[in-house]
Amino acid sequence: MDEDERRKRAHDLEVTVWVGKGGTDAVVDELDEQLGAAELVKVKFLRAARGRTSTDELATELADRVSAELVDVRGHTAVLYR
């Protein structure tokens, strides 16, 4: 699946992982499990998780932690692929 196809498929995905005040540590296992079941997962970064960190930075960190590729970041939502 190429990058354009991933972005098209991601468009219709529902958010299934929310990162809140617990930060990325709180969702690593859940995200890893979801990526094992589905190739694409949409993650929403709530205000409490962001603080002074950008969504891009948080999404990149989270992708690294679960050995996934960051497909897209729009607003405070990211799509990861594995």
Protein backbone atom coordinates (compact mmCIF):
# COMPACT_ATOMS: atom_id res chain seq x y z
CA MET A 1 0.00 0.00 0.00
CA ASP A 2 1.54 3.31 -1.04
CA GLU A 3 1.40 6.56 0.91
CA ASP A 4 -1.47 8.07 -1.11
CA GLU A 5 -3.59 4.96 -0.62
CA ARG A 6 -2.88 5.01 3.14
CA ARG A 7 -4.00 8.63 3.37
CA LYS A 8 -7.22 7.86 1.45
CA ARG A 9 -8.02 4.89 3.68
CA ALA A 10 -7.20 6.89 6.81
CA HIS A 11 -9.67 9.61 5.90
CA ASP A 12 -12.68 7.44 6.80
CA LEU A 13 -11.17 5.92 9.94
CA GLU A 14 -12.62 6.67 13.33
CA VAL A 15 -10.30 7.69 16.17
CA THR A 16 -9.67 4.61 18.31
CA VAL A 17 -6.84 5.84 20.56
CA TRP A 18 -7.00 9.02 22.63
CA VAL A 19 -3.87 10.38 24.30
CA GLY A 20 -4.80 12.38 27.40
CA LYS A 21 -3.12 13.57 30.57
CA GLY A 22 -1.41 10.19 31.01
CA GLY A 23 0.62 11.00 27.91
CA THR A 24 1.94 8.57 25.35
CA ASP A 25 3.09 6.07 28.02
CA ALA A 26 -0.54 5.30 28.82
CA VAL A 27 -1.45 4.24 25.27
CA VAL A 28 1.64 2.45 23.91
CA ASP A 29 0.37 -1.09 24.65
CA GLU A 30 -3.14 -0.39 23.36
CA LEU A 31 -1.83 1.22 20.18
CA ASP A 32 0.61 -1.64 19.61
CA GLU A 33 -2.27 -4.11 19.94
CA GLN A 34 -4.50 -2.15 17.55
CA LEU A 35 -1.73 -1.88 14.95
CA GLY A 36 -1.37 -5.66 15.15
CA ALA A 37 -5.04 -6.06 14.27
CA ALA A 38 -5.33 -3.24 11.73
CA GLU A 39 -2.69 -1.62 9.54
CA LEU A 40 -3.92 1.93 10.15
CA VAL A 41 -4.88 3.51 13.47
CA LYS A 42 -6.08 7.06 14.06
CA VAL A 43 -4.87 8.73 17.28
CA LYS A 44 -6.23 11.94 18.83
CA PHE A 45 -4.00 14.02 21.10
CA LEU A 46 -6.12 15.84 23.68
CA ARG A 47 -5.08 19.21 25.10
CA ALA A 48 -4.00 17.64 28.39
CA ALA A 49 -1.46 15.48 26.54
CA ARG A 50 -0.02 18.24 24.40
CA GLY A 51 1.01 20.85 26.94
CA ARG A 52 3.80 22.77 25.20
CA THR A 53 4.64 19.90 22.84
CA SER A 54 3.41 19.90 19.25
CA THR A 55 1.16 17.16 17.94
CA ASP A 56 3.81 16.36 15.32
CA GLU A 57 6.43 15.74 18.01
CA LEU A 58 4.11 13.57 20.10
CA ALA A 59 2.96 11.58 17.07
CA THR A 60 6.54 10.98 15.93
CA GLU A 61 7.54 9.82 19.42
CA LEU A 62 4.55 7.49 19.63
CA ALA A 63 5.21 6.04 16.16
CA ASP A 64 8.82 5.31 17.15
CA ARG A 65 7.73 3.59 20.35
CA VAL A 66 5.43 1.17 18.52
CA SER A 67 7.65 0.71 15.43
CA ALA A 68 5.08 2.31 13.14
CA GLU A 69 5.17 4.84 10.35
CA LEU A 70 3.55 8.23 10.79
CA VAL A 71 1.24 8.60 7.77
CA ASP A 72 -0.33 11.98 8.45
CA VAL A 73 -0.97 14.63 11.10
CA ARG A 74 -3.94 16.96 10.78
CA GLY A 75 -4.78 19.27 13.61
CA HIS A 76 -4.41 17.17 16.75
CA THR A 77 -5.01 13.83 15.06
CA ALA A 78 -2.40 11.48 13.65
CA VAL A 79 -2.57 8.31 11.58
CA LEU A 80 -0.06 5.52 12.15
CA TYR A 81 0.67 2.57 9.89
CA ARG A 82 2.37 -0.76 10.41
